[in-house]
Amino acid sequence: MSREKYLVLAALLVLAVLSAVAEFAPRASDARPDRGLSLRGKFIGPNAAQDAAAFAGLCHGIADALQSDGAKSSPRITTAVQLEDVRVAAAEGRFLPRALTREQPHVTSAAGKYLDDTVGTSGGPLDATRRSSLVEAYRALAEAAEEAVR
């Protein structure tokens, strides 16, 4: 064999090895960390995708509003009870004339359990730490709702 043929054969072998490495090498996962929360399969019915998107938007909005309110010198939302009132009113308004709790019971149950487990059930004052935990929890709920329809 000529030298040129050896070079072509060597180049082909190098390409084959590189292709095998690229194909079979472990890849970094782009999955989000498991926070013990998944809403996949919990949105049901003919409006499942729309409800998931609306729920994600609602949770993003609550998180943003709570964070923004906390940056003010005199926040309007100072207790978890007030936040719950805001959340209920926003959900009722967003899903009218339907009720999210009736249409998506598995979602509301999972979201309620997640909030209870991560931020507790106290309706008391919101200090900076608790407010930050609530903002993070609502953002996690929004991400979970978005993931549920991907």
N, C-alpha and C. Protein backbone atom coordinates (compact mmCIF):
# COMPACT_ATOMS: atom_id res chain seq x y z
N MET A 1 0.83 -1.18 0.00
CA MET A 1 0.00 0.00 0.00
C MET A 1 0.88 1.24 0.00
N SER A 2 0.37 2.25 -0.63
CA SER A 2 1.14 3.48 -0.71
C SER A 2 0.93 4.30 0.57
N ARG A 3 1.80 5.22 0.72
CA ARG A 3 1.76 6.11 1.89
C ARG A 3 0.45 6.88 1.96
N GLU A 4 -0.07 7.32 0.83
CA GLU A 4 -1.33 8.07 0.77
C GLU A 4 -2.50 7.23 1.28
N LYS A 5 -2.50 5.95 0.92
CA LYS A 5 -3.56 5.07 1.37
C LYS A 5 -3.51 4.89 2.89
N TYR A 6 -2.29 4.78 3.45
CA TYR A 6 -2.15 4.67 4.91
C TYR A 6 -2.66 5.93 5.61
N LEU A 7 -2.38 7.08 5.03
CA LEU A 7 -2.85 8.33 5.62
C LEU A 7 -4.37 8.43 5.59
N VAL A 8 -4.97 8.03 4.48
CA VAL A 8 -6.43 8.06 4.36
C VAL A 8 -7.03 7.07 5.36
N LEU A 9 -6.47 5.87 5.45
CA LEU A 9 -6.95 4.86 6.39
C LEU A 9 -6.81 5.36 7.84
N ALA A 10 -5.71 5.98 8.16
CA ALA A 10 -5.50 6.52 9.51
C ALA A 10 -6.50 7.63 9.81
N ALA A 11 -6.74 8.49 8.84
CA ALA A 11 -7.72 9.57 9.03
C ALA A 11 -9.11 9.00 9.24
N LEU A 12 -9.47 7.98 8.49
CA LEU A 12 -10.78 7.34 8.65
C LEU A 12 -10.90 6.67 10.02
N LEU A 13 -9.86 6.06 10.49
CA LEU A 13 -9.87 5.43 11.82
C LEU A 13 -10.03 6.49 12.92
N VAL A 14 -9.33 7.60 12.77
CA VAL A 14 -9.45 8.69 13.75
C VAL A 14 -10.88 9.23 13.76
N LEU A 15 -11.47 9.42 12.58
CA LEU A 15 -12.86 9.88 12.49
C LEU A 15 -13.82 8.88 13.12
N ALA A 16 -13.57 7.61 12.90
CA ALA A 16 -14.43 6.58 13.47
C ALA A 16 -14.34 6.59 15.01
N VAL A 17 -13.15 6.72 15.53
CA VAL A 17 -12.97 6.77 16.99
C VAL A 17 -13.63 8.02 17.56
N LEU A 18 -13.43 9.17 16.93
CA LEU A 18 -14.05 10.41 17.40
C LEU A 18 -15.57 10.32 17.34
N SER A 19 -16.09 9.72 16.29
CA SER A 19 -17.55 9.55 16.18
C SER A 19 -18.07 8.65 17.28
N ALA A 20 -17.37 7.58 17.57
CA ALA A 20 -17.79 6.67 18.63
C ALA A 20 -17.77 7.37 19.99
N VAL A 21 -16.72 8.13 20.24
CA VAL A 21 -16.63 8.86 21.50
C VAL A 21 -17.78 9.86 21.62
N ALA A 22 -18.03 10.60 20.55
CA ALA A 22 -19.11 11.58 20.58
C ALA A 22 -20.47 10.92 20.76
N GLU A 23 -20.65 9.76 20.17
CA GLU A 23 -21.95 9.08 20.24
C GLU A 23 -22.20 8.43 21.60
N PHE A 24 -21.17 7.82 22.18
CA PHE A 24 -21.38 7.02 23.38
C PHE A 24 -20.87 7.64 24.67
N ALA A 25 -20.24 8.79 24.60
CA ALA A 25 -19.74 9.45 25.82
C ALA A 25 -20.92 9.96 26.64
N PRO A 26 -20.80 9.92 27.96
CA PRO A 26 -21.89 10.44 28.80
C PRO A 26 -22.07 11.94 28.55
N ARG A 27 -23.32 12.35 28.55
CA ARG A 27 -23.63 13.77 28.32
C ARG A 27 -24.10 14.39 29.62
N ALA A 28 -23.82 15.67 29.75
CA ALA A 28 -24.32 16.40 30.90
C ALA A 28 -25.83 16.51 30.77
N SER A 29 -26.51 16.27 31.85
CA SER A 29 -27.96 16.34 31.82
C SER A 29 -28.41 17.78 31.88
N ASP A 30 -29.38 18.13 31.04
CA ASP A 30 -29.93 19.47 31.09
C ASP A 30 -31.20 19.50 31.93
N ALA A 31 -31.47 18.40 32.61
CA ALA A 31 -32.66 18.34 33.47
C ALA A 31 -32.45 19.22 34.69
N ARG A 32 -33.53 19.80 35.16
CA ARG A 32 -33.46 20.63 36.36
C ARG A 32 -33.34 19.74 37.58
N PRO A 33 -32.78 20.27 38.65
CA PRO A 33 -32.66 19.45 39.85
C PRO A 33 -34.04 19.06 40.37
N ASP A 34 -34.13 17.86 40.91
CA ASP A 34 -35.40 17.37 41.44
C ASP A 34 -35.67 18.05 42.77
N ARG A 35 -36.75 18.79 42.82
CA ARG A 35 -37.14 19.48 44.05
C ARG A 35 -38.28 18.74 44.73
N GLY A 36 -38.49 17.50 44.34
CA GLY A 36 -39.60 16.76 44.90
C GLY A 36 -40.92 17.22 44.34
N LEU A 37 -40.90 17.84 43.18
CA LEU A 37 -42.10 18.40 42.60
C LEU A 37 -42.17 18.04 41.13
N SER A 38 -43.27 17.42 40.74
CA SER A 38 -43.53 17.17 39.34
C SER A 38 -45.03 17.31 39.12
N LEU A 39 -45.39 18.05 38.10
CA LEU A 39 -46.80 18.20 37.76
C LEU A 39 -47.13 17.47 36.46
N ARG A 40 -46.18 16.68 35.96
CA ARG A 40 -46.42 15.90 34.74
C ARG A 40 -47.57 14.93 34.98
N GLY A 41 -48.51 14.92 34.05
CA GLY A 41 -49.64 14.02 34.14
C GLY A 41 -50.74 14.46 35.09
N LYS A 42 -50.53 15.57 35.77
CA LYS A 42 -51.53 16.03 36.73
C LYS A 42 -52.53 17.01 36.10
N PHE A 43 -52.14 17.67 35.02
CA PHE A 43 -53.08 18.52 34.30
C PHE A 43 -53.91 17.60 33.41
N ILE A 44 -55.22 17.65 33.56
CA ILE A 44 -56.09 16.72 32.86
C ILE A 44 -57.17 17.47 32.09
N GLY A 45 -57.78 16.76 31.16
CA GLY A 45 -58.92 17.32 30.44
C GLY A 45 -58.54 18.06 29.18
N PRO A 46 -59.55 18.57 28.49
CA PRO A 46 -59.32 19.22 27.20
C PRO A 46 -58.57 20.55 27.31
N ASN A 47 -58.56 21.14 28.49
CA ASN A 47 -57.86 22.42 28.69
C ASN A 47 -56.54 22.26 29.43
N ALA A 48 -56.03 21.03 29.47
CA ALA A 48 -54.83 20.75 30.27
C ALA A 48 -53.64 21.64 29.92
N ALA A 49 -53.31 21.75 28.65
CA ALA A 49 -52.15 22.55 28.24
C ALA A 49 -52.36 24.03 28.55
N GLN A 50 -53.56 24.53 28.27
CA GLN A 50 -53.85 25.94 28.56
C GLN A 50 -53.84 26.19 30.07
N ASP A 51 -54.37 25.25 30.84
CA ASP A 51 -54.38 25.40 32.29
C ASP A 51 -52.95 25.39 32.85
N ALA A 52 -52.11 24.54 32.29
CA ALA A 52 -50.72 24.49 32.74
C ALA A 52 -50.01 25.81 32.45
N ALA A 53 -50.23 26.33 31.25
CA ALA A 53 -49.61 27.61 30.90
C ALA A 53 -50.14 28.74 31.78
N ALA A 54 -51.45 28.74 32.02
CA ALA A 54 -52.04 29.78 32.87
C ALA A 54 -51.54 29.65 34.31
N PHE A 55 -51.43 28.43 34.79
CA PHE A 55 -50.93 28.21 36.15
C PHE A 55 -49.48 28.66 36.27
N ALA A 56 -48.67 28.35 35.26
CA ALA A 56 -47.27 28.79 35.26
C ALA A 56 -47.20 30.31 35.29
N GLY A 57 -48.01 30.96 34.47
CA GLY A 57 -48.02 32.43 34.46
C GLY A 57 -48.47 33.01 35.79
N LEU A 58 -49.47 32.39 36.39
CA LEU A 58 -49.95 32.83 37.69
C LEU A 58 -48.85 32.72 38.74
N CYS A 59 -48.15 31.60 38.76
CA CYS A 59 -47.08 31.39 39.75
C CYS A 59 -45.91 32.35 39.52
N HIS A 60 -45.55 32.56 38.25
CA HIS A 60 -44.50 33.54 37.94
C HIS A 60 -44.92 34.92 38.44
N GLY A 61 -46.17 35.28 38.18
CA GLY A 61 -46.67 36.59 38.60
C GLY A 61 -46.66 36.77 40.10
N ILE A 62 -47.07 35.74 40.83
CA ILE A 62 -47.06 35.81 42.29
C ILE A 62 -45.63 35.96 42.80
N ALA A 63 -44.72 35.16 42.24
CA ALA A 63 -43.31 35.25 42.67
C ALA A 63 -42.74 36.64 42.40
N ASP A 64 -42.99 37.16 41.20
CA ASP A 64 -42.46 38.49 40.85
C ASP A 64 -43.07 39.57 41.73
N ALA A 65 -44.38 39.50 41.95
CA ALA A 65 -45.05 40.51 42.78
C ALA A 65 -44.56 40.45 44.22
N LEU A 66 -44.40 39.25 44.74
CA LEU A 66 -43.95 39.10 46.13
C LEU A 66 -42.51 39.61 46.29
N GLN A 67 -41.68 39.31 45.32
CA GLN A 67 -40.30 39.79 45.38
C GLN A 67 -40.25 41.32 45.26
N SER A 68 -40.99 41.87 44.33
CA SER A 68 -41.02 43.31 44.13
C SER A 68 -41.58 44.02 45.36
N ASP A 69 -42.64 43.48 45.92
CA ASP A 69 -43.26 44.07 47.10
C ASP A 69 -42.28 44.07 48.28
N GLY A 70 -41.50 43.02 48.40
CA GLY A 70 -40.54 42.92 49.50
C GLY A 70 -39.40 43.92 49.40
N ALA A 71 -39.16 44.44 48.21
CA ALA A 71 -38.08 45.42 48.02
C ALA A 71 -38.52 46.83 48.41
N LYS A 72 -39.81 47.02 48.64
CA LYS A 72 -40.31 48.35 49.00
C LYS A 72 -40.02 48.64 50.47
N SER A 73 -39.96 49.92 50.81
CA SER A 73 -39.71 50.30 52.20
C SER A 73 -40.88 49.91 53.10
N SER A 74 -42.08 49.91 52.55
CA SER A 74 -43.28 49.49 53.29
C SER A 74 -44.07 48.49 52.44
N PRO A 75 -43.70 47.21 52.52
CA PRO A 75 -44.41 46.21 51.71
C PRO A 75 -45.89 46.14 52.05
N ARG A 76 -46.70 45.84 51.04
CA ARG A 76 -48.14 45.67 51.26
C ARG A 76 -48.45 44.27 51.77
N ILE A 77 -47.72 43.28 51.29
CA ILE A 77 -47.94 41.90 51.73
C ILE A 77 -46.95 41.62 52.85
N THR A 78 -47.47 41.55 54.06
CA THR A 78 -46.58 41.39 55.23
C THR A 78 -46.80 40.08 55.97
N THR A 79 -47.86 39.34 55.61
CA THR A 79 -48.11 38.04 56.26
C THR A 79 -48.44 37.00 55.19
N ALA A 80 -48.28 35.74 55.57
CA ALA A 80 -48.60 34.65 54.66
C ALA A 80 -50.10 34.57 54.41
N VAL A 81 -50.91 35.00 55.37
CA VAL A 81 -52.36 35.03 55.17
C VAL A 81 -52.71 35.99 54.05
N GLN A 82 -52.08 37.16 54.03
CA GLN A 82 -52.33 38.12 52.95
C GLN A 82 -51.91 37.53 51.60
N LEU A 83 -50.78 36.85 51.58
CA LEU A 83 -50.32 36.23 50.33
C LEU A 83 -51.32 35.19 49.86
N GLU A 84 -51.85 34.41 50.77
CA GLU A 84 -52.85 33.40 50.40
C GLU A 84 -54.09 34.05 49.81
N ASP A 85 -54.52 35.16 50.39
CA ASP A 85 -55.67 35.89 49.84
C ASP A 85 -55.38 36.38 48.42
N VAL A 86 -54.18 36.90 48.21
CA VAL A 86 -53.79 37.37 46.87
C VAL A 86 -53.78 36.19 45.90
N ARG A 87 -53.21 35.07 46.31
CA ARG A 87 -53.12 33.89 45.46
C ARG A 87 -54.50 33.38 45.07
N VAL A 88 -55.39 33.26 46.04
CA VAL A 88 -56.74 32.77 45.76
C VAL A 88 -57.47 33.71 44.81
N ALA A 89 -57.41 35.01 45.09
CA ALA A 89 -58.09 35.99 44.23
C ALA A 89 -57.53 35.96 42.82
N ALA A 90 -56.22 35.87 42.70
CA ALA A 90 -55.60 35.84 41.37
C ALA A 90 -55.99 34.57 40.61
N ALA A 91 -55.99 33.44 41.30
CA ALA A 91 -56.37 32.18 40.65
C ALA A 91 -57.84 32.20 40.23
N GLU A 92 -58.68 32.71 41.10
CA GLU A 92 -60.11 32.78 40.75
C GLU A 92 -60.32 33.67 39.53
N GLY A 93 -59.65 34.79 39.50
CA GLY A 93 -59.79 35.71 38.38
C GLY A 93 -59.21 35.16 37.10
N ARG A 94 -58.10 34.47 37.19
CA ARG A 94 -57.42 33.95 36.00
C ARG A 94 -58.20 32.82 35.34
N PHE A 95 -58.87 32.01 36.13
CA PHE A 95 -59.53 30.83 35.58
C PHE A 95 -61.04 30.97 35.43
N LEU A 96 -61.59 32.16 35.68
CA LEU A 96 -63.03 32.36 35.53
C LEU A 96 -63.48 32.01 34.12
N PRO A 97 -64.60 31.45 33.91
CA PRO A 97 -65.64 31.11 34.89
C PRO A 97 -65.43 29.75 35.53
N ARG A 98 -64.32 29.12 35.20
CA ARG A 98 -64.02 27.80 35.78
C ARG A 98 -63.28 27.96 37.10
N ALA A 99 -63.19 26.89 37.85
CA ALA A 99 -62.43 26.90 39.10
C ALA A 99 -61.25 25.94 38.96
N LEU A 100 -60.04 26.43 39.20
CA LEU A 100 -58.86 25.60 39.07
C LEU A 100 -58.94 24.38 39.99
N THR A 101 -59.43 24.57 41.21
CA THR A 101 -59.50 23.45 42.15
C THR A 101 -60.45 22.36 41.65
N ARG A 102 -61.47 22.72 40.92
CA ARG A 102 -62.42 21.74 40.39
C ARG A 102 -61.89 21.12 39.09
N GLU A 103 -61.30 21.95 38.23
CA GLU A 103 -60.84 21.48 36.92
C GLU A 103 -59.52 20.70 36.99
N GLN A 104 -58.65 21.10 37.89
CA GLN A 104 -57.32 20.49 37.99
C GLN A 104 -57.01 20.10 39.44
N PRO A 105 -57.79 19.19 40.02
CA PRO A 105 -57.62 18.86 41.43
C PRO A 105 -56.26 18.23 41.76
N HIS A 106 -55.70 17.48 40.82
CA HIS A 106 -54.41 16.85 41.08
C HIS A 106 -53.30 17.89 41.16
N VAL A 107 -53.42 18.91 40.35
CA VAL A 107 -52.43 20.00 40.35
C VAL A 107 -52.51 20.79 41.64
N THR A 108 -53.71 21.20 41.99
CA THR A 108 -53.85 22.02 43.20
C THR A 108 -53.44 21.25 44.44
N SER A 109 -53.74 19.95 44.47
CA SER A 109 -53.33 19.13 45.60
C SER A 109 -51.80 19.03 45.69
N ALA A 110 -51.15 18.75 44.55
CA ALA A 110 -49.69 18.63 44.52
C ALA A 110 -49.03 19.96 44.85
N ALA A 111 -49.57 21.05 44.31
CA ALA A 111 -49.00 22.38 44.58
C ALA A 111 -49.16 22.74 46.06
N GLY A 112 -50.33 22.46 46.61
CA GLY A 112 -50.55 22.74 48.03
C GLY A 112 -49.62 21.95 48.92
N LYS A 113 -49.45 20.66 48.61
CA LYS A 113 -48.54 19.82 49.40
C LYS A 113 -47.11 20.34 49.28
N TYR A 114 -46.71 20.71 48.07
CA TYR A 114 -45.36 21.23 47.86
C TYR A 114 -45.13 22.50 48.69
N LEU A 115 -46.09 23.42 48.64
CA LEU A 115 -45.94 24.65 49.42
C LEU A 115 -45.91 24.36 50.92
N ASP A 116 -46.79 23.48 51.38
CA ASP A 116 -46.79 23.12 52.81
C ASP A 116 -45.46 22.52 53.22
N ASP A 117 -44.92 21.62 52.38
CA ASP A 117 -43.66 20.94 52.71
C ASP A 117 -42.45 21.86 52.64
N THR A 118 -42.46 22.83 51.72
CA THR A 118 -41.27 23.66 51.54
C THR A 118 -41.28 24.95 52.34
N VAL A 119 -42.45 25.55 52.53
CA VAL A 119 -42.49 26.84 53.25
C VAL A 119 -43.37 26.81 54.49
N GLY A 120 -44.02 25.69 54.73
CA GLY A 120 -44.82 25.56 55.94
C GLY A 120 -46.23 26.08 55.79
N THR A 121 -46.95 26.06 56.90
CA THR A 121 -48.36 26.42 56.88
C THR A 121 -48.68 27.64 57.74
N SER A 122 -47.68 28.25 58.32
CA SER A 122 -47.92 29.41 59.17
C SER A 122 -48.43 30.58 58.34
N GLY A 123 -49.45 31.24 58.85
CA GLY A 123 -49.98 32.43 58.20
C GLY A 123 -49.35 33.70 58.72
N GLY A 124 -48.30 33.54 59.51
CA GLY A 124 -47.68 34.66 60.19
C GLY A 124 -46.87 35.59 59.31
N PRO A 125 -46.11 36.46 59.97
CA PRO A 125 -45.34 37.51 59.28
C PRO A 125 -44.34 36.94 58.27
N LEU A 126 -44.10 37.76 57.24
CA LEU A 126 -43.11 37.40 56.22
C LEU A 126 -41.84 38.20 56.45
N ASP A 127 -40.83 37.53 57.00
CA ASP A 127 -39.53 38.18 57.08
C ASP A 127 -38.82 37.94 55.73
N ALA A 128 -37.66 38.49 55.57
CA ALA A 128 -36.95 38.40 54.29
C ALA A 128 -36.66 36.95 53.90
N THR A 129 -36.32 36.11 54.86
CA THR A 129 -36.01 34.72 54.57
C THR A 129 -37.25 33.96 54.11
N ARG A 130 -38.34 34.14 54.82
CA ARG A 130 -39.58 33.43 54.45
C ARG A 130 -40.10 33.94 53.10
N ARG A 131 -40.00 35.22 52.88
CA ARG A 131 -40.44 35.79 51.61
C ARG A 131 -39.61 35.19 50.47
N SER A 132 -38.32 35.11 50.66
CA SER A 132 -37.44 34.55 49.64
C SER A 132 -37.78 33.08 49.38
N SER A 133 -38.08 32.32 50.44
CA SER A 133 -38.47 30.92 50.28
C SER A 133 -39.76 30.80 49.49
N LEU A 134 -40.71 31.68 49.75
CA LEU A 134 -41.97 31.67 49.03
C LEU A 134 -41.77 32.03 47.55
N VAL A 135 -40.96 33.02 47.29
CA VAL A 135 -40.67 33.41 45.90
C VAL A 135 -40.07 32.21 45.16
N GLU A 136 -39.10 31.56 45.79
CA GLU A 136 -38.45 30.40 45.17
C GLU A 136 -39.46 29.26 44.95
N ALA A 137 -40.34 29.04 45.91
CA ALA A 137 -41.34 27.97 45.79
C ALA A 137 -42.31 28.25 44.65
N TYR A 138 -42.76 29.48 44.52
CA TYR A 138 -43.67 29.81 43.43
C TYR A 138 -42.97 29.71 42.08
N ARG A 139 -41.71 30.05 42.02
CA ARG A 139 -40.96 29.90 40.76
C ARG A 139 -40.81 28.42 40.42
N ALA A 140 -40.59 27.59 41.43
CA ALA A 140 -40.48 26.15 41.19
C ALA A 140 -41.81 25.59 40.68
N LEU A 141 -42.92 26.06 41.23
CA LEU A 141 -44.23 25.63 40.74
C LEU A 141 -44.43 26.05 39.29
N ALA A 142 -44.02 27.26 38.96
CA ALA A 142 -44.14 27.73 37.57
C ALA A 142 -43.32 26.87 36.63
N GLU A 143 -42.09 26.55 37.02
CA GLU A 143 -41.24 25.70 36.18
C GLU A 143 -41.84 24.31 36.03
N ALA A 144 -42.39 23.78 37.11
CA ALA A 144 -43.00 22.45 37.05
C ALA A 144 -44.20 22.44 36.11
N ALA A 145 -44.98 23.51 36.14
CA ALA A 145 -46.14 23.60 35.23
C ALA A 145 -45.67 23.71 33.78
N GLU A 146 -44.61 24.46 33.56
CA GLU A 146 -44.08 24.57 32.19
C GLU A 146 -43.53 23.24 31.71
N GLU A 147 -42.85 22.53 32.61
CA GLU A 147 -42.30 21.21 32.25
C GLU A 147 -43.41 20.21 31.96
N ALA A 148 -44.54 20.37 32.60
CA ALA A 148 -45.65 19.42 32.43
C ALA A 148 -46.19 19.39 31.02
N VAL A 149 -46.00 20.45 30.27
CA VAL A 149 -46.54 20.49 28.91
C VAL A 149 -45.46 20.42 27.83
N ARG A 150 -44.25 20.16 28.22
CA ARG A 150 -43.15 20.03 27.22
C ARG A 150 -43.08 18.63 26.70
